Amino acid sequence: MASHPYISGPGNITQMIGFLKSNFSSTVTSDTVKKLQLAPKNESYVINALHFIGLIDAEGKRTDKGHEVLTTHDDAAFKAAFAGMVKTAYKDLFDLRGDDAWRCHGVI
């Protein structure tokens, strides 16, 4: 089984995604998370999750797919596209558990 990034709860990621939907700069780093005061002393966990999902690359630069998804204004279309990114990143869990993977620990 693949190693998945860990974060203690979905709140920090949810807040970060909300911020990125309104202001997805070309680079997102731990300093970005720190300035937003979203995950004090846990900024790297947020960055690791964003990278794992495919929103940013290893250098923190936004990916084309990440930009496309986070600039989707229709809420239903955004949810579907973002869910697709999550399912792709966590393919092994979804292959194992199907849609029950949404309720398992480890999937954001």
PDB file of N, CA and C in Angstrom:
ATOM      1  N   MET A   1       0.841  -1.171   0.000  1.00  0.00           N
ATOM      2  CA  MET A   1       0.000   0.000   0.000  1.00  0.00           C
ATOM      3  C   MET A   1       0.889   1.238   0.000  1.00  0.00           C
ATOM      4  N   ALA A   2       0.479   2.246  -0.708  1.00  0.00           N
ATOM      5  CA  ALA A   2       1.238   3.484  -0.802  1.00  0.00           C
ATOM      6  C   ALA A   2       1.235   4.226   0.527  1.00  0.00           C
ATOM      7  N   SER A   3       2.221   5.057   0.712  1.00  0.00           N
ATOM      8  CA  SER A   3       2.284   5.915   1.884  1.00  0.00           C
ATOM      9  C   SER A   3       1.515   7.200   1.580  1.00  0.00           C
ATOM     10  N   HIS A   4       0.576   7.523   2.441  1.00  0.00           N
ATOM     11  CA  HIS A   4      -0.245   8.710   2.239  1.00  0.00           C
ATOM     12  C   HIS A   4       0.178   9.792   3.220  1.00  0.00           C
ATOM     13  N   PRO A   5       0.096  11.055   2.806  1.00  0.00           N
ATOM     14  CA  PRO A   5       0.438  12.131   3.742  1.00  0.00           C
ATOM     15  C   PRO A   5      -0.556  12.141   4.895  1.00  0.00           C
ATOM     16  N   TYR A   6      -0.087  12.520   6.037  1.00  0.00           N
ATOM     17  CA  TYR A   6      -0.903  12.517   7.241  1.00  0.00           C
ATOM     18  C   TYR A   6      -1.156  13.950   7.702  1.00  0.00           C
ATOM     19  N   ILE A   7      -2.372  14.198   8.122  1.00  0.00           N
ATOM     20  CA  ILE A   7      -2.711  15.440   8.812  1.00  0.00           C
ATOM     21  C   ILE A   7      -3.810  15.084   9.805  1.00  0.00           C
ATOM     22  N   SER A   8      -3.814  15.713  10.951  1.00  0.00           N
ATOM     23  CA  SER A   8      -4.679  15.269  12.045  1.00  0.00           C
ATOM     24  C   SER A   8      -6.167  15.498  11.817  1.00  0.00           C
ATOM     25  N   GLY A   9      -6.539  16.279  10.861  1.00  0.00           N
ATOM     26  CA  GLY A   9      -7.957  16.498  10.586  1.00  0.00           C
ATOM     27  C   GLY A   9      -8.128  17.251   9.283  1.00  0.00           C
ATOM     28  N   PRO A  10      -9.332  17.239   8.734  1.00  0.00           N
ATOM     29  CA  PRO A  10      -9.559  17.859   7.431  1.00  0.00           C
ATOM     30  C   PRO A  10      -9.673  19.384   7.469  1.00  0.00           C
ATOM     31  N   GLY A  11      -9.793  19.968   8.646  1.00  0.00           N
ATOM     32  CA  GLY A  11     -10.026  21.411   8.755  1.00  0.00           C
ATOM     33  C   GLY A  11      -8.981  22.276   8.071  1.00  0.00           C
ATOM     34  N   ASN A  12      -7.708  21.983   8.314  1.00  0.00           N
ATOM     35  CA  ASN A  12      -6.647  22.796   7.719  1.00  0.00           C
ATOM     36  C   ASN A  12      -6.644  22.692   6.204  1.00  0.00           C
ATOM     37  N   ILE A  13      -6.867  21.491   5.687  1.00  0.00           N
ATOM     38  CA  ILE A  13      -6.901  21.302   4.233  1.00  0.00           C
ATOM     39  C   ILE A  13      -8.117  22.003   3.649  1.00  0.00           C
ATOM     40  N   THR A  14      -9.257  21.862   4.316  1.00  0.00           N
ATOM     41  CA  THR A  14     -10.484  22.506   3.839  1.00  0.00           C
ATOM     42  C   THR A  14     -10.306  24.020   3.770  1.00  0.00           C
ATOM     43  N   GLN A  15      -9.726  24.593   4.802  1.00  0.00           N
ATOM     44  CA  GLN A  15      -9.473  26.033   4.806  1.00  0.00           C
ATOM     45  C   GLN A  15      -8.503  26.427   3.705  1.00  0.00           C
ATOM     46  N   MET A  16      -7.466  25.631   3.507  1.00  0.00           N
ATOM     47  CA  MET A  16      -6.471  25.939   2.482  1.00  0.00           C
ATOM     48  C   MET A  16      -7.088  25.858   1.090  1.00  0.00           C
ATOM     49  N   ILE A  17      -7.903  24.849   0.837  1.00  0.00           N
ATOM     50  CA  ILE A  17      -8.568  24.723  -0.458  1.00  0.00           C
ATOM     51  C   ILE A  17      -9.480  25.925  -0.685  1.00  0.00           C
ATOM     52  N   GLY A  18     -10.198  26.338   0.341  1.00  0.00           N
ATOM     53  CA  GLY A  18     -11.048  27.531   0.238  1.00  0.00           C
ATOM     54  C   GLY A  18     -10.241  28.757  -0.139  1.00  0.00           C
ATOM     55  N   PHE A  19      -9.080  28.924   0.496  1.00  0.00           N
ATOM     56  CA  PHE A  19      -8.216  30.054   0.157  1.00  0.00           C
ATOM     57  C   PHE A  19      -7.723  29.943  -1.279  1.00  0.00           C
ATOM     58  N   LEU A  20      -7.262  28.763  -1.673  1.00  0.00           N
ATOM     59  CA  LEU A  20      -6.716  28.584  -3.017  1.00  0.00           C
ATOM     60  C   LEU A  20      -7.779  28.776  -4.095  1.00  0.00           C
ATOM     61  N   LYS A  21      -9.023  28.454  -3.777  1.00  0.00           N
ATOM     62  CA  LYS A  21     -10.100  28.675  -4.749  1.00  0.00           C
ATOM     63  C   LYS A  21     -10.255  30.160  -5.065  1.00  0.00           C
ATOM     64  N   SER A  22      -9.975  31.018  -4.111  1.00  0.00           N
ATOM     65  CA  SER A  22     -10.120  32.452  -4.347  1.00  0.00           C
ATOM     66  C   SER A  22      -8.803  33.134  -4.702  1.00  0.00           C
ATOM     67  N   ASN A  23      -7.684  32.472  -4.414  1.00  0.00           N
ATOM     68  CA  ASN A  23      -6.395  33.115  -4.647  1.00  0.00           C
ATOM     69  C   ASN A  23      -5.304  32.058  -4.802  1.00  0.00           C
ATOM     70  N   PHE A  24      -5.258  31.411  -5.950  1.00  0.00           N
ATOM     71  CA  PHE A  24      -4.284  30.347  -6.188  1.00  0.00           C
ATOM     72  C   PHE A  24      -3.081  30.962  -6.889  1.00  0.00           C
ATOM     73  N   SER A  25      -2.114  31.384  -6.079  1.00  0.00           N
ATOM     74  CA  SER A  25      -0.905  31.989  -6.639  1.00  0.00           C
ATOM     75  C   SER A  25      -0.092  30.923  -7.369  1.00  0.00           C
ATOM     76  N   SER A  26       0.872  31.370  -8.115  1.00  0.00           N
ATOM     77  CA  SER A  26       1.657  30.438  -8.928  1.00  0.00           C
ATOM     78  C   SER A  26       2.515  29.502  -8.091  1.00  0.00           C
ATOM     79  N   THR A  27       2.831  29.891  -6.854  1.00  0.00           N
ATOM     80  CA  THR A  27       3.622  29.050  -5.950  1.00  0.00           C
ATOM     81  C   THR A  27       2.986  29.059  -4.567  1.00  0.00           C
ATOM     82  N   VAL A  28       2.893  27.881  -3.962  1.00  0.00           N
ATOM     83  CA  VAL A  28       2.349  27.731  -2.614  1.00  0.00           C
ATOM     84  C   VAL A  28       3.380  26.953  -1.809  1.00  0.00           C
ATOM     85  N   THR A  29       3.844  27.557  -0.735  1.00  0.00           N
ATOM     86  CA  THR A  29       4.870  26.945   0.102  1.00  0.00           C
ATOM     87  C   THR A  29       4.419  26.919   1.565  1.00  0.00           C
ATOM     88  N   SER A  30       5.254  26.355   2.408  1.00  0.00           N
ATOM     89  CA  SER A  30       4.974  26.377   3.845  1.00  0.00           C
ATOM     90  C   SER A  30       4.838  27.809   4.342  1.00  0.00           C
ATOM     91  N   ASP A  31       5.613  28.724   3.765  1.00  0.00           N
ATOM     92  CA  ASP A  31       5.494  30.129   4.156  1.00  0.00           C
ATOM     93  C   ASP A  31       4.106  30.680   3.839  1.00  0.00           C
ATOM     94  N   THR A  32       3.522  30.250   2.727  1.00  0.00           N
ATOM     95  CA  THR A  32       2.165  30.669   2.375  1.00  0.00           C
ATOM     96  C   THR A  32       1.195  30.219   3.449  1.00  0.00           C
ATOM     97  N   VAL A  33       1.290  28.956   3.842  1.00  0.00           N
ATOM     98  CA  VAL A  33       0.399  28.401   4.870  1.00  0.00           C
ATOM     99  C   VAL A  33       0.630  29.122   6.195  1.00  0.00           C
ATOM    100  N   LYS A  34       1.891  29.390   6.503  1.00  0.00           N
ATOM    101  CA  LYS A  34       2.231  30.085   7.751  1.00  0.00           C
ATOM    102  C   LYS A  34       1.612  31.477   7.780  1.00  0.00           C
ATOM    103  N   LYS A  35       1.703  32.205   6.677  1.00  0.00           N
ATOM    104  CA  LYS A  35       1.128  33.559   6.611  1.00  0.00           C
ATOM    105  C   LYS A  35      -0.379  33.531   6.810  1.00  0.00           C
ATOM    106  N   LEU A  36      -1.032  32.474   6.357  1.00  0.00           N
ATOM    107  CA  LEU A  36      -2.478  32.339   6.511  1.00  0.00           C
ATOM    108  C   LEU A  36      -2.867  31.844   7.902  1.00  0.00           C
ATOM    109  N   GLN A  37      -1.876  31.428   8.695  1.00  0.00           N
ATOM    110  CA  GLN A  37      -2.073  30.928  10.057  1.00  0.00           C
ATOM    111  C   GLN A  37      -3.078  29.772  10.091  1.00  0.00           C
ATOM    112  N   LEU A  38      -2.945  28.863   9.118  1.00  0.00           N
ATOM    113  CA  LEU A  38      -3.889  27.753   9.012  1.00  0.00           C
ATOM    114  C   LEU A  38      -3.468  26.518   9.793  1.00  0.00           C
ATOM    115  N   ALA A  39      -2.207  26.258   9.860  1.00  0.00           N
ATOM    116  CA  ALA A  39      -1.751  25.028  10.511  1.00  0.00           C
ATOM    117  C   ALA A  39      -0.451  25.308  11.255  1.00  0.00           C
ATOM    118  N   PRO A  40      -0.526  26.081  12.322  1.00  0.00           N
ATOM    119  CA  PRO A  40       0.696  26.445  13.039  1.00  0.00           C
ATOM    120  C   PRO A  40       1.562  25.226  13.365  1.00  0.00           C
ATOM    121  N   LYS A  41       2.804  25.302  12.946  1.00  0.00           N
ATOM    122  CA  LYS A  41       3.824  24.270  13.149  1.00  0.00           C
ATOM    123  C   LYS A  41       3.529  22.974  12.386  1.00  0.00           C
ATOM    124  N   ASN A  42       2.521  22.991  11.537  1.00  0.00           N
ATOM    125  CA  ASN A  42       2.172  21.817  10.735  1.00  0.00           C
ATOM    126  C   ASN A  42       2.030  22.181   9.257  1.00  0.00           C
ATOM    127  N   GLU A  43       2.661  23.272   8.865  1.00  0.00           N
ATOM    128  CA  GLU A  43       2.534  23.755   7.497  1.00  0.00           C
ATOM    129  C   GLU A  43       2.988  22.729   6.467  1.00  0.00           C
ATOM    130  N   SER A  44       4.043  22.005   6.798  1.00  0.00           N
ATOM    131  CA  SER A  44       4.570  21.029   5.840  1.00  0.00           C
ATOM    132  C   SER A  44       3.567  19.908   5.570  1.00  0.00           C
ATOM    133  N   TYR A  45       2.729  19.574   6.554  1.00  0.00           N
ATOM    134  CA  TYR A  45       1.717  18.542   6.349  1.00  0.00           C
ATOM    135  C   TYR A  45       0.683  18.995   5.314  1.00  0.00           C
ATOM    136  N   VAL A  46       0.305  20.260   5.373  1.00  0.00           N
ATOM    137  CA  VAL A  46      -0.643  20.813   4.401  1.00  0.00           C
ATOM    138  C   VAL A  46      -0.017  20.789   3.011  1.00  0.00           C
ATOM    139  N   ILE A  47       1.228  21.221   2.918  1.00  0.00           N
ATOM    140  CA  ILE A  47       1.926  21.237   1.628  1.00  0.00           C
ATOM    141  C   ILE A  47       2.055  19.822   1.075  1.00  0.00           C
ATOM    142  N   ASN A  48       2.400  18.860   1.921  1.00  0.00           N
ATOM    143  CA  ASN A  48       2.516  17.469   1.467  1.00  0.00           C
ATOM    144  C   ASN A  48       1.188  16.951   0.922  1.00  0.00           C
ATOM    145  N   ALA A  49       0.092  17.279   1.576  1.00  0.00           N
ATOM    146  CA  ALA A  49      -1.222  16.836   1.110  1.00  0.00           C
ATOM    147  C   ALA A  49      -1.574  17.495  -0.221  1.00  0.00           C
ATOM    148  N   LEU A  50      -1.306  18.787  -0.357  1.00  0.00           N
ATOM    149  CA  LEU A  50      -1.588  19.484  -1.623  1.00  0.00           C
ATOM    150  C   LEU A  50      -0.780  18.884  -2.766  1.00  0.00           C
ATOM    151  N   HIS A  51       0.452  18.535  -2.470  1.00  0.00           N
ATOM    152  CA  HIS A  51       1.310  17.908  -3.476  1.00  0.00           C
ATOM    153  C   HIS A  51       0.802  16.510  -3.813  1.00  0.00           C
ATOM    154  N   PHE A  52       0.449  15.742  -2.807  1.00  0.00           N
ATOM    155  CA  PHE A  52      -0.016  14.378  -3.020  1.00  0.00           C
ATOM    156  C   PHE A  52      -1.279  14.354  -3.888  1.00  0.00           C
ATOM    157  N   ILE A  53      -2.182  15.278  -3.643  1.00  0.00           N
ATOM    158  CA  ILE A  53      -3.419  15.355  -4.419  1.00  0.00           C
ATOM    159  C   ILE A  53      -3.138  15.807  -5.853  1.00  0.00           C
ATOM    160  N   GLY A  54      -2.061  16.547  -6.032  1.00  0.00           N
ATOM    161  CA  GLY A  54      -1.707  17.000  -7.371  1.00  0.00           C
ATOM    162  C   GLY A  54      -2.031  18.454  -7.650  1.00  0.00           C
ATOM    163  N   LEU A  55      -2.320  19.220  -6.589  1.00  0.00           N
ATOM    164  CA  LEU A  55      -2.594  20.642  -6.784  1.00  0.00           C
ATOM    165  C   LEU A  55      -1.319  21.438  -7.026  1.00  0.00           C
ATOM    166  N   ILE A  56      -0.235  21.003  -6.388  1.00  0.00           N
ATOM    167  CA  ILE A  56       1.061  21.659  -6.571  1.00  0.00           C
ATOM    168  C   ILE A  56       2.105  20.587  -6.872  1.00  0.00           C
ATOM    169  N   ASP A  57       3.212  21.018  -7.479  1.00  0.00           N
ATOM    170  CA  ASP A  57       4.291  20.070  -7.764  1.00  0.00           C
ATOM    171  C   ASP A  57       5.286  20.058  -6.608  1.00  0.00           C
ATOM    172  N   ALA A  58       6.370  19.348  -6.760  1.00  0.00           N
ATOM    173  CA  ALA A  58       7.360  19.186  -5.685  1.00  0.00           C
ATOM    174  C   ALA A  58       8.001  20.505  -5.264  1.00  0.00           C
ATOM    175  N   GLU A  59       8.012  21.486  -6.161  1.00  0.00           N
ATOM    176  CA  GLU A  59       8.583  22.798  -5.834  1.00  0.00           C
ATOM    177  C   GLU A  59       7.536  23.778  -5.317  1.00  0.00           C
ATOM    178  N   GLY A  60       6.290  23.323  -5.198  1.00  0.00           N
ATOM    179  CA  GLY A  60       5.227  24.196  -4.707  1.00  0.00           C
ATOM    180  C   GLY A  60       4.531  24.988  -5.791  1.00  0.00           C
ATOM    181  N   LYS A  61       4.881  24.742  -7.040  1.00  0.00           N
ATOM    182  CA  LYS A  61       4.230  25.463  -8.138  1.00  0.00           C
ATOM    183  C   LYS A  61       2.899  24.801  -8.449  1.00  0.00           C
ATOM    184  N   ARG A  62       1.893  25.615  -8.687  1.00  0.00           N
ATOM    185  CA  ARG A  62       0.581  25.044  -8.994  1.00  0.00           C
ATOM    186  C   ARG A  62       0.660  24.245 -10.287  1.00  0.00           C
ATOM    187  N   THR A  63      -0.060  23.155 -10.308  1.00  0.00           N
ATOM    188  CA  THR A  63      -0.107  22.327 -11.510  1.00  0.00           C
ATOM    189  C   THR A  63      -1.206  22.854 -12.425  1.00  0.00           C
ATOM    190  N   ASP A  64      -1.116  22.511 -13.695  1.00  0.00           N
ATOM    191  CA  ASP A  64      -2.160  22.919 -14.633  1.00  0.00           C
ATOM    192  C   ASP A  64      -3.508  22.340 -14.215  1.00  0.00           C
ATOM    193  N   LYS A  65      -3.513  21.069 -13.842  1.00  0.00           N
ATOM    194  CA  LYS A  65      -4.754  20.419 -13.420  1.00  0.00           C
ATOM    195  C   LYS A  65      -5.291  21.062 -12.142  1.00  0.00           C
ATOM    196  N   GLY A  66      -4.406  21.335 -11.200  1.00  0.00           N
ATOM    197  CA  GLY A  66      -4.824  21.989  -9.963  1.00  0.00           C
ATOM    198  C   GLY A  66      -5.430  23.352 -10.223  1.00  0.00           C
ATOM    199  N   HIS A  67      -4.810  24.109 -11.095  1.00  0.00           N
ATOM    200  CA  HIS A  67      -5.328  25.431 -11.440  1.00  0.00           C
ATOM    201  C   HIS A  67      -6.686  25.319 -12.116  1.00  0.00           C
ATOM    202  N   GLU A  68      -6.790  24.363 -13.033  1.00  0.00           N
ATOM    203  CA  GLU A  68      -8.056  24.152 -13.747  1.00  0.00           C
ATOM    204  C   GLU A  68      -9.184  23.822 -12.764  1.00  0.00           C
ATOM    205  N   VAL A  69      -8.912  22.916 -11.841  1.00  0.00           N
ATOM    206  CA  VAL A  69      -9.941  22.489 -10.892  1.00  0.00           C
ATOM    207  C   VAL A  69     -10.297  23.616  -9.922  1.00  0.00           C
ATOM    208  N   LEU A  70      -9.301  24.273  -9.364  1.00  0.00           N
ATOM    209  CA  LEU A  70      -9.584  25.282  -8.341  1.00  0.00           C
ATOM    210  C   LEU A  70     -10.157  26.583  -8.906  1.00  0.00           C
ATOM    211  N   THR A  71     -10.107  26.746 -10.207  1.00  0.00           N
ATOM    212  CA  THR A  71     -10.736  27.938 -10.806  1.00  0.00           C
ATOM    213  C   THR A  71     -12.084  27.584 -11.438  1.00  0.00           C
ATOM    214  N   THR A  72     -12.592  26.406 -11.155  1.00  0.00           N
ATOM    215  CA  THR A  72     -13.925  26.011 -11.604  1.00  0.00           C
ATOM    216  C   THR A  72     -14.938  26.707 -10.704  1.00  0.00           C
ATOM    217  N   HIS A  73     -15.769  27.549 -11.303  1.00  0.00           N
ATOM    218  CA  HIS A  73     -16.687  28.369 -10.498  1.00  0.00           C
ATOM    219  C   HIS A  73     -17.991  27.659 -10.158  1.00  0.00           C
ATOM    220  N   ASP A  74     -18.452  26.759 -11.011  1.00  0.00           N
ATOM    221  CA  ASP A  74     -19.665  26.016 -10.723  1.00  0.00           C
ATOM    222  C   ASP A  74     -19.370  25.037  -9.591  1.00  0.00           C
ATOM    223  N   ASP A  75     -20.128  25.135  -8.498  1.00  0.00           N
ATOM    224  CA  ASP A  75     -19.836  24.353  -7.303  1.00  0.00           C
ATOM    225  C   ASP A  75     -19.909  22.849  -7.555  1.00  0.00           C
ATOM    226  N   ALA A  76     -20.917  22.404  -8.277  1.00  0.00           N
ATOM    227  CA  ALA A  76     -21.055  20.965  -8.550  1.00  0.00           C
ATOM    228  C   ALA A  76     -19.904  20.476  -9.423  1.00  0.00           C
ATOM    229  N   ALA A  77     -19.521  21.267 -10.406  1.00  0.00           N
ATOM    230  CA  ALA A  77     -18.405  20.884 -11.281  1.00  0.00           C
ATOM    231  C   ALA A  77     -17.093  20.867 -10.495  1.00  0.00           C
ATOM    232  N   PHE A  78     -16.914  21.849  -9.602  1.00  0.00           N
ATOM    233  CA  PHE A  78     -15.711  21.867  -8.766  1.00  0.00           C
ATOM    234  C   PHE A  78     -15.646  20.606  -7.900  1.00  0.00           C
ATOM    235  N   LYS A  79     -16.748  20.293  -7.220  1.00  0.00           N
ATOM    236  CA  LYS A  79     -16.765  19.131  -6.334  1.00  0.00           C
ATOM    237  C   LYS A  79     -16.429  17.846  -7.091  1.00  0.00           C
ATOM    238  N   ALA A  80     -16.997  17.706  -8.278  1.00  0.00           N
ATOM    239  CA  ALA A  80     -16.735  16.503  -9.081  1.00  0.00           C
ATOM    240  C   ALA A  80     -15.271  16.442  -9.515  1.00  0.00           C
ATOM    241  N   ALA A  81     -14.739  17.570  -9.958  1.00  0.00           N
ATOM    242  CA  ALA A  81     -13.343  17.601 -10.424  1.00  0.00           C
ATOM    243  C   ALA A  81     -12.376  17.376  -9.263  1.00  0.00           C
ATOM    244  N   PHE A  82     -12.643  18.006  -8.130  1.00  0.00           N
ATOM    245  CA  PHE A  82     -11.769  17.834  -6.965  1.00  0.00           C
ATOM    246  C   PHE A  82     -11.844  16.397  -6.454  1.00  0.00           C
ATOM    247  N   ALA A  83     -13.040  15.839  -6.417  1.00  0.00           N
ATOM    248  CA  ALA A  83     -13.191  14.441  -6.011  1.00  0.00           C
ATOM    249  C   ALA A  83     -12.393  13.527  -6.931  1.00  0.00           C
ATOM    250  N   GLY A  84     -12.368  13.856  -8.211  1.00  0.00           N
ATOM    251  CA  GLY A  84     -11.587  13.064  -9.161  1.00  0.00           C
ATOM    252  C   GLY A  84     -10.101  13.108  -8.846  1.00  0.00           C
ATOM    253  N   MET A  85      -9.605  14.287  -8.465  1.00  0.00           N
ATOM    254  CA  MET A  85      -8.191  14.401  -8.098  1.00  0.00           C
ATOM    255  C   MET A  85      -7.893  13.573  -6.851  1.00  0.00           C
ATOM    256  N   VAL A  86      -8.794  13.622  -5.875  1.00  0.00           N
ATOM    257  CA  VAL A  86      -8.604  12.862  -4.639  1.00  0.00           C
ATOM    258  C   VAL A  86      -8.634  11.370  -4.942  1.00  0.00           C
ATOM    259  N   LYS A  87      -9.599  10.933  -5.745  1.00  0.00           N
ATOM    260  CA  LYS A  87      -9.694   9.508  -6.087  1.00  0.00           C
ATOM    261  C   LYS A  87      -8.463   9.024  -6.848  1.00  0.00           C
ATOM    262  N   THR A  88      -7.918   9.868  -7.699  1.00  0.00           N
ATOM    263  CA  THR A  88      -6.700   9.502  -8.426  1.00  0.00           C
ATOM    264  C   THR A  88      -5.521   9.374  -7.463  1.00  0.00           C
ATOM    265  N   ALA A  89      -5.381  10.346  -6.564  1.00  0.00           N
ATOM    266  CA  ALA A  89      -4.263  10.327  -5.620  1.00  0.00           C
ATOM    267  C   ALA A  89      -4.348   9.131  -4.666  1.00  0.00           C
ATOM    268  N   TYR A  90      -5.553   8.816  -4.252  1.00  0.00           N
ATOM    269  CA  TYR A  90      -5.766   7.731  -3.289  1.00  0.00           C
ATOM    270  C   TYR A  90      -6.334   6.486  -3.974  1.00  0.00           C
ATOM    271  N   LYS A  91      -5.900   6.254  -5.212  1.00  0.00           N
ATOM    272  CA  LYS A  91      -6.431   5.160  -6.027  1.00  0.00           C
ATOM    273  C   LYS A  91      -6.399   3.825  -5.291  1.00  0.00           C
ATOM    274  N   ASP A  92      -5.310   3.535  -4.613  1.00  0.00           N
ATOM    275  CA  ASP A  92      -5.211   2.251  -3.925  1.00  0.00           C
ATOM    276  C   ASP A  92      -6.286   2.084  -2.853  1.00  0.00           C
ATOM    277  N   LEU A  93      -6.619   3.162  -2.148  1.00  0.00           N
ATOM    278  CA  LEU A  93      -7.664   3.072  -1.132  1.00  0.00           C
ATOM    279  C   LEU A  93      -9.042   2.907  -1.762  1.00  0.00           C
ATOM    280  N   PHE A  94      -9.283   3.641  -2.852  1.00  0.00           N
ATOM    281  CA  PHE A  94     -10.577   3.517  -3.527  1.00  0.00           C
ATOM    282  C   PHE A  94     -10.720   2.163  -4.214  1.00  0.00           C
ATOM    283  N   ASP A  95      -9.609   1.623  -4.722  1.00  0.00           N
ATOM    284  CA  ASP A  95      -9.659   0.273  -5.297  1.00  0.00           C
ATOM    285  C   ASP A  95     -10.001  -0.754  -4.220  1.00  0.00           C
ATOM    286  N   LEU A  96      -9.487  -0.559  -3.041  1.00  0.00           N
ATOM    287  CA  LEU A  96      -9.695  -1.488  -1.940  1.00  0.00           C
ATOM    288  C   LEU A  96     -11.083  -1.342  -1.312  1.00  0.00           C
ATOM    289  N   ARG A  97     -11.513  -0.096  -1.101  1.00  0.00           N
ATOM    290  CA  ARG A  97     -12.727   0.150  -0.322  1.00  0.00           C
ATOM    291  C   ARG A  97     -13.885   0.755  -1.106  1.00  0.00           C
ATOM    292  N   GLY A  98     -13.684   1.090  -2.372  1.00  0.00           N
ATOM    293  CA  GLY A  98     -14.742   1.752  -3.136  1.00  0.00           C
ATOM    294  C   GLY A  98     -15.059   3.108  -2.527  1.00  0.00           C
ATOM    295  N   ASP A  99     -16.311   3.515  -2.622  1.00  0.00           N
ATOM    296  CA  ASP A  99     -16.692   4.823  -2.082  1.00  0.00           C
ATOM    297  C   ASP A  99     -16.651   4.888  -0.558  1.00  0.00           C
ATOM    298  N   ASP A 100     -16.523   3.743   0.107  1.00  0.00           N
ATOM    299  CA  ASP A 100     -16.338   3.767   1.561  1.00  0.00           C
ATOM    300  C   ASP A 100     -15.018   4.428   1.941  1.00  0.00           C
ATOM    301  N   ALA A 101     -14.110   4.558   0.989  1.00  0.00           N
ATOM    302  CA  ALA A 101     -12.821   5.214   1.264  1.00  0.00           C
ATOM    303  C   ALA A 101     -13.014   6.660   1.713  1.00  0.00           C
ATOM    304  N   TRP A 102     -14.110   7.288   1.302  1.00  0.00           N
ATOM    305  CA  TRP A 102     -14.370   8.671   1.741  1.00  0.00           C
ATOM    306  C   TRP A 102     -14.509   8.749   3.253  1.00  0.00           C
ATOM    307  N   ARG A 103     -14.911   7.669   3.870  1.00  0.00           N
ATOM    308  CA  ARG A 103     -15.147   7.668   5.311  1.00  0.00           C
ATOM    309  C   ARG A 103     -13.969   7.107   6.099  1.00  0.00           C
ATOM    310  N   CYS A 104     -12.957   6.619   5.417  1.00  0.00           N
ATOM    311  CA  CYS A 104     -11.794   6.023   6.086  1.00  0.00           C
ATOM    312  C   CYS A 104     -10.819   7.103   6.518  1.00  0.00           C
ATOM    313  N   HIS A 105     -10.115   6.838   7.586  1.00  0.00           N
ATOM    314  CA  HIS A 105      -9.046   7.734   8.001  1.00  0.00           C
ATOM    315  C   HIS A 105      -7.960   7.708   6.943  1.00  0.00           C
ATOM    316  N   GLY A 106      -7.388   8.847   6.687  1.00  0.00           N
ATOM    317  CA  GLY A 106      -6.300   8.923   5.714  1.00  0.00           C
ATOM    318  C   GLY A 106      -6.721   9.598   4.431  1.00  0.00           C
ATOM    319  N   VAL A 107      -8.004   9.584   4.119  1.00  0.00           N
ATOM    320  CA  VAL A 107      -8.478  10.303   2.940  1.00  0.00           C
ATOM    321  C   VAL A 107      -9.041  11.620   3.430  1.00  0.00           C
ATOM    322  N   ILE A 108      -8.600  12.678   2.812  1.00  0.00           N
ATOM    323  CA  ILE A 108      -9.031  13.989   3.260  1.00  0.00           C
ATOM    324  C   ILE A 108     -10.442  14.292   2.839  1.00  0.00           C
TER     325      ILE A 108
END
